C-alpha cells in the first residue's frame, strides 16, 4: 500500500492517492481523516490479499467477495445474535481506538451518502 495526499481545489477536502493490489486510485478525503483512511486502506489491502490467496479469486469477483465479507462482519458487530460472526475478532482494548473506529464508520457513512461512487473512485 502506498498513499500520498495531494490538495484539491476544495480547501475542506483533499484528494488522496492510494494503491490497492497494485492499482492506483484517487479518493476524496478531509485532511483530518487522512490517517484513518490510510489505516482503512491498509486493512482493506490485507483483507483483499488474504481472501484472494484463500479463494484464488481476482479482479471484480475478489472485490465483491471482500466487500461481502466486510459487510457481513459489520452487520455481525452491529446486531449481535442476528448474524453469527465469521470468526472471532481480536479485542480492541483501547477506548480511544474504539472511539476512532466509530468516528471512521460515521464519517464513511456520511461521505458515501453525500457522493456518487464516481466522485470517490
Protein backbone atom coordinates (compact mmCIF):
# COMPACT_ATOMS: atom_id res chain seq x y z
CA UNK A 1 0.00 0.00 0.00
CA UNK A 2 1.23 3.47 -0.77
CA UNK A 3 -0.50 6.80 -0.43
CA UNK A 4 0.23 10.48 -0.97
CA UNK A 5 -2.04 13.37 -0.05
CA UNK A 6 -2.49 15.94 -2.78
CA UNK A 7 -4.53 19.10 -2.11
CA UNK A 8 -7.61 19.53 -4.27
CA UNK A 9 -9.39 22.72 -5.24
CA UNK A 10 -11.68 22.42 -2.21
CA UNK A 11 -9.97 23.73 0.94
CA UNK A 12 -12.15 21.48 3.12
CA UNK A 13 -11.05 18.28 1.41
CA UNK A 14 -8.07 16.87 -0.34
CA UNK A 15 -7.51 14.09 -2.77
CA UNK A 16 -5.55 11.10 -1.60
CA UNK A 17 -3.75 8.75 -3.96
CA UNK A 18 -3.91 5.17 -2.74
CA UNK A 19 -2.84 1.81 -4.12
CA UNK A 20 -4.79 -1.41 -3.64
CA UNK A 21 -3.41 -4.61 -5.17
CA UNK A 22 -1.11 -2.61 -7.40
CA UNK A 23 -3.85 -0.36 -8.84
CA UNK A 24 -3.83 3.37 -8.15
CA UNK A 25 -6.94 5.24 -7.08
CA UNK A 26 -7.62 8.85 -6.12
CA UNK A 27 -10.19 9.37 -3.36
CA UNK A 28 -11.61 12.45 -1.69
CA UNK A 29 -10.59 12.89 1.91
CA UNK A 30 -10.91 15.54 4.61
CA UNK A 31 -7.45 16.39 5.96
CA UNK A 32 -8.38 15.33 9.49
CA UNK A 33 -9.48 11.90 8.20
CA UNK A 34 -6.29 11.18 6.24
CA UNK A 35 -4.70 8.86 8.80
CA UNK A 36 -7.93 6.97 9.37
CA UNK A 37 -8.40 6.48 5.63
CA UNK A 38 -4.81 5.25 5.28
CA UNK A 39 -5.46 2.74 8.06
CA UNK A 40 -8.60 1.60 6.20
CA UNK A 41 -6.57 1.19 3.00
CA UNK A 42 -4.02 -0.94 4.86
CA UNK A 43 -6.76 -3.11 6.35
CA UNK A 44 -8.61 -3.47 3.04
CA UNK A 45 -5.46 -4.30 1.09
CA UNK A 46 -4.54 -7.00 3.62
CA UNK A 47 -8.07 -8.42 3.56
CA UNK A 48 -8.19 -8.47 -0.25
CA UNK A 49 -4.85 -10.26 -0.40
CA UNK A 50 -5.94 -12.79 2.26
CA UNK A 51 -9.25 -13.60 0.55
CA UNK A 52 -7.54 -13.72 -2.84
CA UNK A 53 -5.00 -16.24 -1.56
CA UNK A 54 -7.67 -18.40 0.07
CA UNK A 55 -10.16 -18.35 -2.81
CA UNK A 56 -7.81 -17.86 -5.78
CA UNK A 57 -10.19 -15.11 -6.92
CA UNK A 58 -9.11 -11.94 -8.66
CA UNK A 59 -10.49 -8.77 -10.18
CA UNK A 60 -14.12 -7.83 -9.70
CA UNK A 61 -15.01 -11.16 -8.09
CA UNK A 62 -12.32 -10.65 -5.46
CA UNK A 63 -13.53 -7.10 -4.75
CA UNK A 64 -17.13 -8.29 -4.39
CA UNK A 65 -16.17 -11.21 -2.13
CA UNK A 66 -14.09 -8.91 0.07
CA UNK A 67 -16.90 -6.36 0.29
CA UNK A 68 -19.39 -9.09 1.14
CA UNK A 69 -17.15 -10.45 3.91
CA UNK A 70 -16.62 -7.00 5.40
CA UNK A 71 -20.34 -6.17 5.22
CA UNK A 72 -21.18 -9.45 6.92
CA UNK A 73 -18.72 -8.76 9.73
CA UNK A 74 -20.05 -5.21 10.16
CA UNK A 75 -23.62 -6.49 10.45
CA UNK A 76 -22.47 -9.08 12.99
CA UNK A 77 -20.90 -6.34 15.08
CA UNK A 78 -23.89 -4.00 14.80
CA UNK A 79 -26.54 -6.65 15.52
CA UNK A 80 -25.09 -9.26 17.87
CA UNK A 81 -27.02 -12.51 17.77
CA UNK A 82 -28.63 -11.74 14.40
CA UNK A 83 -25.69 -12.67 12.24
CA UNK A 84 -23.01 -15.03 13.52
CA UNK A 85 -19.57 -13.50 13.02
CA UNK A 86 -17.37 -15.46 10.60
CA UNK A 87 -14.51 -15.62 13.09
CA UNK A 88 -13.79 -14.05 16.46
CA UNK A 89 -12.33 -10.60 16.03
CA UNK A 90 -9.38 -9.62 18.18
CA UNK A 91 -10.45 -7.43 21.09
CA UNK A 92 -9.81 -3.73 20.96
CA UNK A 93 -8.52 -2.88 24.40
CA UNK A 94 -8.04 0.82 23.92
CA UNK A 95 -11.12 3.03 24.40
CA UNK A 96 -9.66 5.73 22.16
CA UNK A 97 -9.29 3.13 19.37
CA UNK A 98 -12.97 2.22 19.72
CA UNK A 99 -13.96 5.89 19.50
CA UNK A 100 -11.74 6.36 16.45
CA UNK A 101 -13.27 3.35 14.68
CA UNK A 102 -16.77 4.64 15.41
CA UNK A 103 -15.79 8.07 14.08
CA UNK A 104 -14.35 6.50 10.92
CA UNK A 105 -17.54 4.50 10.35
CA UNK A 106 -19.69 7.59 10.87
CA UNK A 107 -17.54 9.66 8.53
CA UNK A 108 -17.54 6.96 5.83
CA UNK A 109 -21.33 6.67 6.07
CA UNK A 110 -21.60 10.46 5.77
CA UNK A 111 -19.24 10.69 2.80
CA UNK A 112 -20.83 7.76 0.97
CA UNK A 113 -24.29 9.23 1.49
CA UNK A 114 -23.20 12.57 0.06
CA UNK A 115 -21.25 11.43 -3.00
CA UNK A 116 -21.83 9.35 -6.04
CA UNK A 117 -19.42 6.42 -6.32
CA UNK A 118 -17.75 8.06 -9.34
CA UNK A 119 -16.80 11.01 -7.14
CA UNK A 120 -14.96 8.72 -4.74
CA UNK A 121 -13.02 6.47 -7.16
